[in-house]
Amino acid sequence: MIGKKRILVVEDDLAILRGIKDSLEFDSYETLTAEDGEEGYAQSRSGKPDLVILDVMLPRMDGFTLCRRLRKDGFTAPILILTARSEEVDRIRGLDLGADDRFIEEGVRGLADAGLASGRGRRPR
């Protein structure tokens, strides 16, 4: 039997975090969570997720810095940036730092399937 895909969600808004976690678990994903960037970095190293969904505005380390740091360390799993802001500059910045895509927080349903598909074949930078 093939194991469940493991997804790390890094989000400091507990209501959003719980909603994403519940939705992912309903869709049969194993879910790791972190409430700040430092915890997210630690979880990404120890939990070996297949996908990371991270908020931009996080305490202790923002999402852009976390994304850049993960890619610098050779982390190859897909990274999706989750933001309440809809500015195109956020999307461009996230992609430049190694994210695979950016989603606005209101449209979280289907993130896991889209993210896992977008990162197939990623090579270390």
PDB file of N, CA and C in Angstrom:
ATOM      1  N   MET A   1       0.843  -1.182   0.000  1.00  0.00           N
ATOM      2  CA  MET A   1       0.000   0.000   0.000  1.00  0.00           C
ATOM      3  C   MET A   1       0.888   1.246   0.000  1.00  0.00           C
ATOM      4  N   ILE A   2       0.582   2.198  -0.831  1.00  0.00           N
ATOM      5  CA  ILE A   2       1.326   3.442  -0.909  1.00  0.00           C
ATOM      6  C   ILE A   2       0.874   4.349   0.228  1.00  0.00           C
ATOM      7  N   GLY A   3       1.850   4.987   0.910  1.00  0.00           N
ATOM      8  CA  GLY A   3       1.533   5.851   2.039  1.00  0.00           C
ATOM      9  C   GLY A   3       0.841   7.129   1.608  1.00  0.00           C
ATOM     10  N   LYS A   4       0.210   7.762   2.576  1.00  0.00           N
ATOM     11  CA  LYS A   4      -0.449   9.041   2.330  1.00  0.00           C
ATOM     12  C   LYS A   4       0.598  10.100   2.028  1.00  0.00           C
ATOM     13  N   LYS A   5       0.230  11.037   1.179  1.00  0.00           N
ATOM     14  CA  LYS A   5       1.082  12.202   0.941  1.00  0.00           C
ATOM     15  C   LYS A   5       1.057  13.069   2.186  1.00  0.00           C
ATOM     16  N   ARG A   6       2.216  13.579   2.559  1.00  0.00           N
ATOM     17  CA  ARG A   6       2.357  14.407   3.761  1.00  0.00           C
ATOM     18  C   ARG A   6       2.459  15.865   3.347  1.00  0.00           C
ATOM     19  N   ILE A   7       1.606  16.695   3.936  1.00  0.00           N
ATOM     20  CA  ILE A   7       1.566  18.116   3.602  1.00  0.00           C
ATOM     21  C   ILE A   7       1.799  18.941   4.857  1.00  0.00           C
ATOM     22  N   LEU A   8       2.725  19.877   4.763  1.00  0.00           N
ATOM     23  CA  LEU A   8       3.000  20.812   5.846  1.00  0.00           C
ATOM     24  C   LEU A   8       2.278  22.120   5.554  1.00  0.00           C
ATOM     25  N   VAL A   9       1.479  22.585   6.513  1.00  0.00           N
ATOM     26  CA  VAL A   9       0.780  23.856   6.401  1.00  0.00           C
ATOM     27  C   VAL A   9       1.375  24.798   7.447  1.00  0.00           C
ATOM     28  N   VAL A  10       1.910  25.930   6.983  1.00  0.00           N
ATOM     29  CA  VAL A  10       2.497  26.927   7.879  1.00  0.00           C
ATOM     30  C   VAL A  10       1.612  28.168   7.817  1.00  0.00           C
ATOM     31  N   GLU A  11       0.872  28.397   8.887  1.00  0.00           N
ATOM     32  CA  GLU A  11      -0.134  29.464   8.928  1.00  0.00           C
ATOM     33  C   GLU A  11      -0.324  29.893  10.373  1.00  0.00           C
ATOM     34  N   ASP A  12      -0.279  31.188  10.641  1.00  0.00           N
ATOM     35  CA  ASP A  12      -0.419  31.675  12.012  1.00  0.00           C
ATOM     36  C   ASP A  12      -1.854  31.978  12.413  1.00  0.00           C
ATOM     37  N   ASP A  13      -2.767  32.071  11.479  1.00  0.00           N
ATOM     38  CA  ASP A  13      -4.178  32.271  11.800  1.00  0.00           C
ATOM     39  C   ASP A  13      -4.783  30.892  12.089  1.00  0.00           C
ATOM     40  N   LEU A  14      -5.096  30.652  13.371  1.00  0.00           N
ATOM     41  CA  LEU A  14      -5.526  29.316  13.779  1.00  0.00           C
ATOM     42  C   LEU A  14      -6.804  28.846  13.102  1.00  0.00           C
ATOM     43  N   ALA A  15      -7.721  29.749  12.811  1.00  0.00           N
ATOM     44  CA  ALA A  15      -8.962  29.361  12.133  1.00  0.00           C
ATOM     45  C   ALA A  15      -8.667  28.887  10.711  1.00  0.00           C
ATOM     46  N   ILE A  16      -7.811  29.597  10.010  1.00  0.00           N
ATOM     47  CA  ILE A  16      -7.437  29.192   8.652  1.00  0.00           C
ATOM     48  C   ILE A  16      -6.648  27.886   8.700  1.00  0.00           C
ATOM     49  N   LEU A  17      -5.715  27.786   9.641  1.00  0.00           N
ATOM     50  CA  LEU A  17      -4.906  26.574   9.790  1.00  0.00           C
ATOM     51  C   LEU A  17      -5.795  25.360  10.031  1.00  0.00           C
ATOM     52  N   ARG A  18      -6.733  25.480  10.958  1.00  0.00           N
ATOM     53  CA  ARG A  18      -7.641  24.362  11.242  1.00  0.00           C
ATOM     54  C   ARG A  18      -8.486  24.007  10.028  1.00  0.00           C
ATOM     55  N   GLY A  19      -8.973  25.029   9.321  1.00  0.00           N
ATOM     56  CA  GLY A  19      -9.796  24.771   8.145  1.00  0.00           C
ATOM     57  C   GLY A  19      -9.034  24.036   7.053  1.00  0.00           C
ATOM     58  N   ILE A  20      -7.805  24.464   6.792  1.00  0.00           N
ATOM     59  CA  ILE A  20      -6.992  23.795   5.771  1.00  0.00           C
ATOM     60  C   ILE A  20      -6.658  22.376   6.218  1.00  0.00           C
ATOM     61  N   LYS A  21      -6.254  22.237   7.471  1.00  0.00           N
ATOM     62  CA  LYS A  21      -5.895  20.919   8.016  1.00  0.00           C
ATOM     63  C   LYS A  21      -7.078  19.959   7.910  1.00  0.00           C
ATOM     64  N   ASP A  22      -8.251  20.399   8.344  1.00  0.00           N
ATOM     65  CA  ASP A  22      -9.445  19.547   8.283  1.00  0.00           C
ATOM     66  C   ASP A  22      -9.769  19.153   6.848  1.00  0.00           C
ATOM     67  N   SER A  23      -9.675  20.100   5.935  1.00  0.00           N
ATOM     68  CA  SER A  23      -9.968  19.829   4.531  1.00  0.00           C
ATOM     69  C   SER A  23      -8.981  18.814   3.946  1.00  0.00           C
ATOM     70  N   LEU A  24      -7.706  18.992   4.249  1.00  0.00           N
ATOM     71  CA  LEU A  24      -6.688  18.065   3.734  1.00  0.00           C
ATOM     72  C   LEU A  24      -6.870  16.666   4.309  1.00  0.00           C
ATOM     73  N   GLU A  25      -7.147  16.593   5.597  1.00  0.00           N
ATOM     74  CA  GLU A  25      -7.344  15.283   6.220  1.00  0.00           C
ATOM     75  C   GLU A  25      -8.613  14.612   5.696  1.00  0.00           C
ATOM     76  N   PHE A  26      -9.645  15.392   5.412  1.00  0.00           N
ATOM     77  CA  PHE A  26     -10.858  14.853   4.810  1.00  0.00           C
ATOM     78  C   PHE A  26     -10.530  14.224   3.455  1.00  0.00           C
ATOM     79  N   ASP A  27      -9.587  14.845   2.737  1.00  0.00           N
ATOM     80  CA  ASP A  27      -9.175  14.334   1.427  1.00  0.00           C
ATOM     81  C   ASP A  27      -8.051  13.303   1.538  1.00  0.00           C
ATOM     82  N   SER A  28      -7.827  12.778   2.742  1.00  0.00           N
ATOM     83  CA  SER A  28      -6.897  11.677   3.016  1.00  0.00           C
ATOM     84  C   SER A  28      -5.416  12.028   2.923  1.00  0.00           C
ATOM     85  N   TYR A  29      -5.066  13.267   3.194  1.00  0.00           N
ATOM     86  CA  TYR A  29      -3.657  13.653   3.280  1.00  0.00           C
ATOM     87  C   TYR A  29      -3.214  13.627   4.736  1.00  0.00           C
ATOM     88  N   GLU A  30      -1.976  13.237   4.971  1.00  0.00           N
ATOM     89  CA  GLU A  30      -1.384  13.379   6.298  1.00  0.00           C
ATOM     90  C   GLU A  30      -0.950  14.833   6.423  1.00  0.00           C
ATOM     91  N   THR A  31      -1.275  15.483   7.536  1.00  0.00           N
ATOM     92  CA  THR A  31      -1.038  16.913   7.667  1.00  0.00           C
ATOM     93  C   THR A  31      -0.144  17.237   8.854  1.00  0.00           C
ATOM     94  N   LEU A  32       0.901  18.001   8.582  1.00  0.00           N
ATOM     95  CA  LEU A  32       1.751  18.587   9.615  1.00  0.00           C
ATOM     96  C   LEU A  32       1.409  20.062   9.668  1.00  0.00           C
ATOM     97  N   THR A  33       1.532  20.677  10.839  1.00  0.00           N
ATOM     98  CA  THR A  33       1.223  22.105  10.932  1.00  0.00           C
ATOM     99  C   THR A  33       2.307  22.842  11.711  1.00  0.00           C
ATOM    100  N   ALA A  34       2.412  24.121  11.405  1.00  0.00           N
ATOM    101  CA  ALA A  34       3.310  25.021  12.121  1.00  0.00           C
ATOM    102  C   ALA A  34       2.653  26.393  12.142  1.00  0.00           C
ATOM    103  N   GLU A  35       2.875  27.138  13.220  1.00  0.00           N
ATOM    104  CA  GLU A  35       2.233  28.444  13.381  1.00  0.00           C
ATOM    105  C   GLU A  35       3.185  29.614  13.173  1.00  0.00           C
ATOM    106  N   ASP A  36       4.433  29.356  12.863  1.00  0.00           N
ATOM    107  CA  ASP A  36       5.374  30.437  12.546  1.00  0.00           C
ATOM    108  C   ASP A  36       6.461  29.891  11.622  1.00  0.00           C
ATOM    109  N   GLY A  37       7.246  30.801  11.060  1.00  0.00           N
ATOM    110  CA  GLY A  37       8.242  30.408  10.075  1.00  0.00           C
ATOM    111  C   GLY A  37       9.345  29.514  10.614  1.00  0.00           C
ATOM    112  N   GLU A  38       9.808  29.783  11.819  1.00  0.00           N
ATOM    113  CA  GLU A  38      10.867  28.949  12.409  1.00  0.00           C
ATOM    114  C   GLU A  38      10.377  27.525  12.633  1.00  0.00           C
ATOM    115  N   GLU A  39       9.163  27.391  13.169  1.00  0.00           N
ATOM    116  CA  GLU A  39       8.573  26.072  13.383  1.00  0.00           C
ATOM    117  C   GLU A  39       8.339  25.374  12.032  1.00  0.00           C
ATOM    118  N   GLY A  40       7.915  26.149  11.035  1.00  0.00           N
ATOM    119  CA  GLY A  40       7.722  25.591   9.703  1.00  0.00           C
ATOM    120  C   GLY A  40       9.019  25.067   9.116  1.00  0.00           C
ATOM    121  N   TYR A  41      10.101  25.811   9.323  1.00  0.00           N
ATOM    122  CA  TYR A  41      11.409  25.361   8.836  1.00  0.00           C
ATOM    123  C   TYR A  41      11.794  24.047   9.513  1.00  0.00           C
ATOM    124  N   ALA A  42      11.640  23.987  10.826  1.00  0.00           N
ATOM    125  CA  ALA A  42      11.976  22.767  11.560  1.00  0.00           C
ATOM    126  C   ALA A  42      11.122  21.582  11.097  1.00  0.00           C
ATOM    127  N   GLN A  43       9.812  21.814  10.915  1.00  0.00           N
ATOM    128  CA  GLN A  43       8.913  20.752  10.464  1.00  0.00           C
ATOM    129  C   GLN A  43       9.262  20.277   9.052  1.00  0.00           C
ATOM    130  N   SER A  44       9.685  21.207   8.202  1.00  0.00           N
ATOM    131  CA  SER A  44      10.027  20.814   6.831  1.00  0.00           C
ATOM    132  C   SER A  44      11.272  19.932   6.818  1.00  0.00           C
ATOM    133  N   ARG A  45      12.162  20.135   7.757  1.00  0.00           N
ATOM    134  CA  ARG A  45      13.384  19.328   7.848  1.00  0.00           C
ATOM    135  C   ARG A  45      13.103  17.955   8.471  1.00  0.00           C
ATOM    136  N   SER A  46      12.329  17.928   9.550  1.00  0.00           N
ATOM    137  CA  SER A  46      12.107  16.668  10.260  1.00  0.00           C
ATOM    138  C   SER A  46      10.946  15.854   9.693  1.00  0.00           C
ATOM    139  N   GLY A  47       9.909  16.538   9.186  1.00  0.00           N
ATOM    140  CA  GLY A  47       8.712  15.844   8.724  1.00  0.00           C
ATOM    141  C   GLY A  47       8.761  15.368   7.292  1.00  0.00           C
ATOM    142  N   LYS A  48       9.716  15.855   6.515  1.00  0.00           N
ATOM    143  CA  LYS A  48       9.880  15.483   5.104  1.00  0.00           C
ATOM    144  C   LYS A  48       8.557  15.507   4.327  1.00  0.00           C
ATOM    145  N   PRO A  49       7.914  16.686   4.262  1.00  0.00           N
ATOM    146  CA  PRO A  49       6.622  16.778   3.569  1.00  0.00           C
ATOM    147  C   PRO A  49       6.770  16.665   2.049  1.00  0.00           C
ATOM    148  N   ASP A  50       5.692  16.206   1.416  1.00  0.00           N
ATOM    149  CA  ASP A  50       5.621  16.117  -0.043  1.00  0.00           C
ATOM    150  C   ASP A  50       5.183  17.438  -0.655  1.00  0.00           C
ATOM    151  N   LEU A  51       4.638  18.332   0.179  1.00  0.00           N
ATOM    152  CA  LEU A  51       4.144  19.633  -0.249  1.00  0.00           C
ATOM    153  C   LEU A  51       4.149  20.559   0.955  1.00  0.00           C
ATOM    154  N   VAL A  52       4.494  21.834   0.729  1.00  0.00           N
ATOM    155  CA  VAL A  52       4.407  22.845   1.779  1.00  0.00           C
ATOM    156  C   VAL A  52       3.459  23.940   1.310  1.00  0.00           C
ATOM    157  N   ILE A  53       2.503  24.268   2.158  1.00  0.00           N
ATOM    158  CA  ILE A  53       1.601  25.395   1.927  1.00  0.00           C
ATOM    159  C   ILE A  53       1.944  26.403   3.011  1.00  0.00           C
ATOM    160  N   LEU A  54       2.402  27.593   2.601  1.00  0.00           N
ATOM    161  CA  LEU A  54       2.812  28.535   3.635  1.00  0.00           C
ATOM    162  C   LEU A  54       2.267  29.931   3.405  1.00  0.00           C
ATOM    163  N   ASP A  55       1.928  30.540   4.531  1.00  0.00           N
ATOM    164  CA  ASP A  55       1.437  31.913   4.545  1.00  0.00           C
ATOM    165  C   ASP A  55       2.625  32.851   4.336  1.00  0.00           C
ATOM    166  N   VAL A  56       2.368  34.025   3.815  1.00  0.00           N
ATOM    167  CA  VAL A  56       3.432  35.013   3.613  1.00  0.00           C
ATOM    168  C   VAL A  56       3.754  35.729   4.923  1.00  0.00           C
ATOM    169  N   MET A  57       2.729  36.189   5.610  1.00  0.00           N
ATOM    170  CA  MET A  57       2.942  37.002   6.812  1.00  0.00           C
ATOM    171  C   MET A  57       2.911  36.109   8.043  1.00  0.00           C
ATOM    172  N   LEU A  58       4.101  35.672   8.463  1.00  0.00           N
ATOM    173  CA  LEU A  58       4.250  34.778   9.596  1.00  0.00           C
ATOM    174  C   LEU A  58       5.142  35.411  10.653  1.00  0.00           C
ATOM    175  N   PRO A  59       4.922  35.083  11.922  1.00  0.00           N
ATOM    176  CA  PRO A  59       5.866  35.526  12.948  1.00  0.00           C
ATOM    177  C   PRO A  59       7.164  34.722  12.872  1.00  0.00           C
ATOM    178  N   ARG A  60       8.232  35.300  13.379  1.00  0.00           N
ATOM    179  CA  ARG A  60       9.552  34.689  13.536  1.00  0.00           C
ATOM    180  C   ARG A  60      10.310  34.453  12.227  1.00  0.00           C
ATOM    181  N   MET A  61       9.643  34.270  11.114  1.00  0.00           N
ATOM    182  CA  MET A  61      10.271  34.203   9.794  1.00  0.00           C
ATOM    183  C   MET A  61       9.138  34.260   8.775  1.00  0.00           C
ATOM    184  N   ASP A  62       9.159  35.257   7.897  1.00  0.00           N
ATOM    185  CA  ASP A  62       8.057  35.379   6.941  1.00  0.00           C
ATOM    186  C   ASP A  62       8.122  34.266   5.892  1.00  0.00           C
ATOM    187  N   GLY A  63       7.021  34.075   5.207  1.00  0.00           N
ATOM    188  CA  GLY A  63       6.912  32.993   4.236  1.00  0.00           C
ATOM    189  C   GLY A  63       7.892  33.092   3.078  1.00  0.00           C
ATOM    190  N   PHE A  64       8.178  34.314   2.621  1.00  0.00           N
ATOM    191  CA  PHE A  64       9.143  34.477   1.529  1.00  0.00           C
ATOM    192  C   PHE A  64      10.533  34.035   1.975  1.00  0.00           C
ATOM    193  N   THR A  65      10.923  34.416   3.181  1.00  0.00           N
ATOM    194  CA  THR A  65      12.234  34.021   3.709  1.00  0.00           C
ATOM    195  C   THR A  65      12.295  32.513   3.898  1.00  0.00           C
ATOM    196  N   LEU A  66      11.221  31.943   4.414  1.00  0.00           N
ATOM    197  CA  LEU A  66      11.171  30.496   4.602  1.00  0.00           C
ATOM    198  C   LEU A  66      11.302  29.772   3.262  1.00  0.00           C
ATOM    199  N   CYS A  67      10.585  30.222   2.259  1.00  0.00           N
ATOM    200  CA  CYS A  67      10.659  29.625   0.929  1.00  0.00           C
ATOM    201  C   CYS A  67      12.087  29.686   0.390  1.00  0.00           C
ATOM    202  N   ARG A  68      12.688  30.864   0.458  1.00  0.00           N
ATOM    203  CA  ARG A  68      14.053  31.034  -0.038  1.00  0.00           C
ATOM    204  C   ARG A  68      15.028  30.118   0.713  1.00  0.00           C
ATOM    205  N   ARG A  69      14.870  30.041   2.023  1.00  0.00           N
ATOM    206  CA  ARG A  69      15.767  29.219   2.836  1.00  0.00           C
ATOM    207  C   ARG A  69      15.625  27.733   2.505  1.00  0.00           C
ATOM    208  N   LEU A  70      14.390  27.282   2.329  1.00  0.00           N
ATOM    209  CA  LEU A  70      14.171  25.876   1.972  1.00  0.00           C
ATOM    210  C   LEU A  70      14.812  25.543   0.631  1.00  0.00           C
ATOM    211  N   ARG A  71      14.599  26.409  -0.358  1.00  0.00           N
ATOM    212  CA  ARG A  71      15.181  26.142  -1.674  1.00  0.00           C
ATOM    213  C   ARG A  71      16.713  26.186  -1.624  1.00  0.00           C
ATOM    214  N   LYS A  72      17.256  27.108  -0.862  1.00  0.00           N
ATOM    215  CA  LYS A  72      18.714  27.204  -0.710  1.00  0.00           C
ATOM    216  C   LYS A  72      19.277  25.918  -0.096  1.00  0.00           C
ATOM    217  N   ASP A  73      18.502  25.308   0.809  1.00  0.00           N
ATOM    218  CA  ASP A  73      18.917  24.067   1.464  1.00  0.00           C
ATOM    219  C   ASP A  73      18.702  22.834   0.588  1.00  0.00           C
ATOM    220  N   GLY A  74      18.154  23.007  -0.612  1.00  0.00           N
ATOM    221  CA  GLY A  74      17.941  21.879  -1.509  1.00  0.00           C
ATOM    222  C   GLY A  74      16.584  21.203  -1.378  1.00  0.00           C
ATOM    223  N   PHE A  75      15.664  21.820  -0.683  1.00  0.00           N
ATOM    224  CA  PHE A  75      14.313  21.271  -0.525  1.00  0.00           C
ATOM    225  C   PHE A  75      13.618  21.289  -1.882  1.00  0.00           C
ATOM    226  N   THR A  76      13.167  20.129  -2.367  1.00  0.00           N
ATOM    227  CA  THR A  76      12.649  20.036  -3.731  1.00  0.00           C
ATOM    228  C   THR A  76      11.137  19.831  -3.827  1.00  0.00           C
ATOM    229  N   ALA A  77      10.460  19.594  -2.715  1.00  0.00           N
ATOM    230  CA  ALA A  77       9.007  19.402  -2.766  1.00  0.00           C
ATOM    231  C   ALA A  77       8.334  20.711  -3.185  1.00  0.00           C
ATOM    232  N   PRO A  78       7.153  20.633  -3.767  1.00  0.00           N
ATOM    233  CA  PRO A  78       6.442  21.855  -4.153  1.00  0.00           C
ATOM    234  C   PRO A  78       6.139  22.741  -2.946  1.00  0.00           C
ATOM    235  N   ILE A  79       6.194  24.049  -3.178  1.00  0.00           N
ATOM    236  CA  ILE A  79       5.843  25.042  -2.161  1.00  0.00           C
ATOM    237  C   ILE A  79       4.774  25.947  -2.747  1.00  0.00           C
ATOM    238  N   LEU A  80       3.656  26.054  -2.024  1.00  0.00           N
ATOM    239  CA  LEU A  80       2.584  26.956  -2.420  1.00  0.00           C
ATOM    240  C   LEU A  80       2.521  28.091  -1.419  1.00  0.00           C
ATOM    241  N   ILE A  81       2.503  29.314  -1.926  1.00  0.00           N
ATOM    242  CA  ILE A  81       2.391  30.500  -1.089  1.00  0.00           C
ATOM    243  C   ILE A  81       0.910  30.804  -0.900  1.00  0.00           C
ATOM    244  N   LEU A  82       0.501  31.002   0.350  1.00  0.00           N
ATOM    245  CA  LEU A  82      -0.872  31.317   0.693  1.00  0.00           C
ATOM    246  C   LEU A  82      -0.893  32.738   1.231  1.00  0.00           C
ATOM    247  N   THR A  83      -1.690  33.594   0.615  1.00  0.00           N
ATOM    248  CA  THR A  83      -1.697  34.993   1.037  1.00  0.00           C
ATOM    249  C   THR A  83      -3.096  35.573   0.991  1.00  0.00           C
ATOM    250  N   ALA A  84      -3.350  36.526   1.863  1.00  0.00           N
ATOM    251  CA  ALA A  84      -4.621  37.252   1.828  1.00  0.00           C
ATOM    252  C   ALA A  84      -4.548  38.375   0.810  1.00  0.00           C
ATOM    253  N   ARG A  85      -3.335  38.710   0.406  1.00  0.00           N
ATOM    254  CA  ARG A  85      -3.134  39.816  -0.531  1.00  0.00           C
ATOM    255  C   ARG A  85      -3.185  39.288  -1.963  1.00  0.00           C
ATOM    256  N   SER A  86      -3.782  40.064  -2.839  1.00  0.00           N
ATOM    257  CA  SER A  86      -3.945  39.602  -4.221  1.00  0.00           C
ATOM    258  C   SER A  86      -2.998  40.297  -5.197  1.00  0.00           C
ATOM    259  N   GLU A  87      -2.037  41.068  -4.700  1.00  0.00           N
ATOM    260  CA  GLU A  87      -1.133  41.796  -5.583  1.00  0.00           C
ATOM    261  C   GLU A  87      -0.258  40.840  -6.397  1.00  0.00           C
ATOM    262  N   GLU A  88      -0.115  41.130  -7.661  1.00  0.00           N
ATOM    263  CA  GLU A  88       0.708  40.318  -8.552  1.00  0.00           C
ATOM    264  C   GLU A  88       2.170  40.308  -8.106  1.00  0.00           C
ATOM    265  N   VAL A  89       2.616  41.396  -7.468  1.00  0.00           N
ATOM    266  CA  VAL A  89       4.004  41.462  -7.008  1.00  0.00           C
ATOM    267  C   VAL A  89       4.302  40.339  -6.013  1.00  0.00           C
ATOM    268  N   ASP A  90       3.326  39.955  -5.170  1.00  0.00           N
ATOM    269  CA  ASP A  90       3.523  38.847  -4.238  1.00  0.00           C
ATOM    270  C   ASP A  90       3.724  37.534  -4.985  1.00  0.00           C
ATOM    271  N   ARG A  91       2.949  37.344  -6.028  1.00  0.00           N
ATOM    272  CA  ARG A  91       3.076  36.109  -6.816  1.00  0.00           C
ATOM    273  C   ARG A  91       4.453  36.050  -7.475  1.00  0.00           C
ATOM    274  N   ILE A  92       4.854  37.132  -8.085  1.00  0.00           N
ATOM    275  CA  ILE A  92       6.150  37.174  -8.771  1.00  0.00           C
ATOM    276  C   ILE A  92       7.284  36.957  -7.778  1.00  0.00           C
ATOM    277  N   ARG A  93       7.215  37.641  -6.642  1.00  0.00           N
ATOM    278  CA  ARG A  93       8.267  37.481  -5.634  1.00  0.00           C
ATOM    279  C   ARG A  93       8.342  36.037  -5.149  1.00  0.00           C
ATOM    280  N   GLY A  94       7.191  35.437  -4.861  1.00  0.00           N
ATOM    281  CA  GLY A  94       7.168  34.042  -4.414  1.00  0.00           C
ATOM    282  C   GLY A  94       7.760  33.098  -5.444  1.00  0.00           C
ATOM    283  N   LEU A  95       7.394  33.279  -6.698  1.00  0.00           N
ATOM    284  CA  LEU A  95       7.935  32.426  -7.758  1.00  0.00           C
ATOM    285  C   LEU A  95       9.442  32.634  -7.911  1.00  0.00           C
ATOM    286  N   ASP A  96       9.891  33.880  -7.806  1.00  0.00           N
ATOM    287  CA  ASP A  96      11.321  34.165  -7.893  1.00  0.00           C
ATOM    288  C   ASP A  96      12.108  33.498  -6.773  1.00  0.00           C
ATOM    289  N   LEU A  97      11.479  33.327  -5.621  1.00  0.00           N
ATOM    290  CA  LEU A  97      12.155  32.721  -4.471  1.00  0.00           C
ATOM    291  C   LEU A  97      12.053  31.199  -4.455  1.00  0.00           C
ATOM    292  N   GLY A  98      11.332  30.627  -5.422  1.00  0.00           N
ATOM    293  CA  GLY A  98      11.270  29.175  -5.518  1.00  0.00           C
ATOM    294  C   GLY A  98       9.918  28.553  -5.261  1.00  0.00           C
ATOM    295  N   ALA A  99       8.896  29.360  -5.001  1.00  0.00           N
ATOM    296  CA  ALA A  99       7.555  28.799  -4.825  1.00  0.00           C
ATOM    297  C   ALA A  99       7.045  28.273  -6.162  1.00  0.00           C
ATOM    298  N   ASP A 100       6.148  27.316  -6.091  1.00  0.00           N
ATOM    299  CA  ASP A 100       5.578  26.747  -7.309  1.00  0.00           C
ATOM    300  C   ASP A 100       4.313  27.466  -7.748  1.00  0.00           C
ATOM    301  N   ASP A 101       3.638  28.112  -6.804  1.00  0.00           N
ATOM    302  CA  ASP A 101       2.450  28.890  -7.143  1.00  0.00           C
ATOM    303  C   ASP A 101       2.029  29.683  -5.918  1.00  0.00           C
ATOM    304  N   ARG A 102       1.043  30.575  -6.123  1.00  0.00           N
ATOM    305  CA  ARG A 102       0.521  31.399  -5.041  1.00  0.00           C
ATOM    306  C   ARG A 102      -0.990  31.350  -5.108  1.00  0.00           C
ATOM    307  N   PHE A 103      -1.635  31.183  -3.939  1.00  0.00           N
ATOM    308  CA  PHE A 103      -3.082  31.144  -3.853  1.00  0.00           C
ATOM    309  C   PHE A 103      -3.558  32.167  -2.842  1.00  0.00           C
ATOM    310  N   ILE A 104      -4.696  32.752  -3.106  1.00  0.00           N
ATOM    311  CA  ILE A 104      -5.323  33.648  -2.148  1.00  0.00           C
ATOM    312  C   ILE A 104      -6.068  32.782  -1.138  1.00  0.00           C
ATOM    313  N   GLU A 105      -6.016  33.148   0.135  1.00  0.00           N
ATOM    314  CA  GLU A 105      -6.542  32.312   1.218  1.00  0.00           C
ATOM    315  C   GLU A 105      -7.982  31.863   1.010  1.00  0.00           C
ATOM    316  N   GLU A 106      -8.781  32.640   0.313  1.00  0.00           N
ATOM    317  CA  GLU A 106     -10.179  32.267   0.114  1.00  0.00           C
ATOM    318  C   GLU A 106     -10.328  31.039  -0.785  1.00  0.00           C
ATOM    319  N   GLY A 107      -9.339  30.726  -1.600  1.00  0.00           N
ATOM    320  CA  GLY A 107      -9.450  29.626  -2.549  1.00  0.00           C
ATOM    321  C   GLY A 107      -8.591  28.428  -2.197  1.00  0.00           C
ATOM    322  N   VAL A 108      -8.692  27.934  -0.964  1.00  0.00           N
ATOM    323  CA  VAL A 108      -7.796  26.871  -0.525  1.00  0.00           C
ATOM    324  C   VAL A 108      -8.232  25.471  -0.938  1.00  0.00           C
ATOM    325  N   ARG A 109      -9.475  25.284  -1.297  1.00  0.00           N
ATOM    326  CA  ARG A 109      -9.939  23.943  -1.680  1.00  0.00           C
ATOM    327  C   ARG A 109      -9.215  23.497  -2.941  1.00  0.00           C
ATOM    328  N   GLY A 110      -8.681  22.320  -2.944  1.00  0.00           N
ATOM    329  CA  GLY A 110      -7.977  21.808  -4.112  1.00  0.00           C
ATOM    330  C   GLY A 110      -6.501  22.176  -4.145  1.00  0.00           C
ATOM    331  N   LEU A 111      -5.998  22.850  -3.124  1.00  0.00           N
ATOM    332  CA  LEU A 111      -4.588  23.247  -3.097  1.00  0.00           C
ATOM    333  C   LEU A 111      -3.640  22.051  -3.160  1.00  0.00           C
ATOM    334  N   ALA A 112      -3.936  21.023  -2.401  1.00  0.00           N
ATOM    335  CA  ALA A 112      -3.019  19.894  -2.315  1.00  0.00           C
ATOM    336  C   ALA A 112      -2.843  19.217  -3.667  1.00  0.00           C
ATOM    337  N   ASP A 113      -3.946  18.902  -4.338  1.00  0.00           N
ATOM    338  CA  ASP A 113      -3.842  18.251  -5.641  1.00  0.00           C
ATOM    339  C   ASP A 113      -3.094  19.121  -6.636  1.00  0.00           C
ATOM    340  N   ALA A 114      -3.397  20.414  -6.652  1.00  0.00           N
ATOM    341  CA  ALA A 114      -2.733  21.334  -7.575  1.00  0.00           C
ATOM    342  C   ALA A 114      -1.249  21.452  -7.247  1.00  0.00           C
ATOM    343  N   GLY A 115      -0.929  21.533  -5.984  1.00  0.00           N
ATOM    344  CA  GLY A 115       0.460  21.689  -5.576  1.00  0.00           C
ATOM    345  C   GLY A 115       1.288  20.458  -5.838  1.00  0.00           C
ATOM    346  N   LEU A 116       0.755  19.302  -5.558  1.00  0.00           N
ATOM    347  CA  LEU A 116       1.497  18.073  -5.807  1.00  0.00           C
ATOM    348  C   LEU A 116       1.721  17.882  -7.303  1.00  0.00           C
ATOM    349  N   ALA A 117       0.747  18.259  -8.117  1.00  0.00           N
ATOM    350  CA  ALA A 117       0.904  18.141  -9.565  1.00  0.00           C
ATOM    351  C   ALA A 117       1.924  19.142 -10.100  1.00  0.00           C
ATOM    352  N   SER A 118       1.954  20.364  -9.534  1.00  0.00           N
ATOM    353  CA  SER A 118       2.836  21.401 -10.063  1.00  0.00           C
ATOM    354  C   SER A 118       4.298  21.126  -9.800  1.00  0.00           C
ATOM    355  N   GLY A 119       4.610  20.364  -8.757  1.00  0.00           N
ATOM    356  CA  GLY A 119       6.005  20.153  -8.397  1.00  0.00           C
ATOM    357  C   GLY A 119       6.616  18.882  -8.938  1.00  0.00           C
ATOM    358  N   ARG A 120       5.905  18.145  -9.740  1.00  0.00           N
ATOM    359  CA  ARG A 120       6.468  16.914 -10.296  1.00  0.00           C
ATOM    360  C   ARG A 120       7.703  17.222 -11.131  1.00  0.00           C
ATOM    361  N   GLY A 121       8.757  16.496 -10.846  1.00  0.00           N
ATOM    362  CA  GLY A 121       9.971  16.662 -11.641  1.00  0.00           C
ATOM    363  C   GLY A 121      10.836  17.826 -11.231  1.00  0.00           C
ATOM    364  N   ARG A 122      10.552  18.490 -10.128  1.00  0.00           N
ATOM    365  CA  ARG A 122      11.371  19.621  -9.674  1.00  0.00           C
ATOM    366  C   ARG A 122      12.757  19.128  -9.357  1.00  0.00           C
ATOM    367  N   ARG A 123      13.705  19.899  -9.745  1.00  0.00           N
ATOM    368  CA  ARG A 123      15.102  19.586  -9.461  1.00  0.00           C
ATOM    369  C   ARG A 123      15.645  20.619  -8.507  1.00  0.00           C
ATOM    370  N   PRO A 124      16.619  20.238  -7.690  1.00  0.00           N
ATOM    371  CA  PRO A 124      17.209  21.225  -6.774  1.00  0.00           C
ATOM    372  C   PRO A 124      17.755  22.408  -7.542  1.00  0.00           C
ATOM    373  N   ARG A 125      17.651  23.597  -6.911  1.00  0.00           N
ATOM    374  CA  ARG A 125      18.158  24.827  -7.530  1.00  0.00           C
ATOM    375  C   ARG A 125      19.570  25.048  -7.129  1.00  0.00           C
TER     376      ARG A 125
END
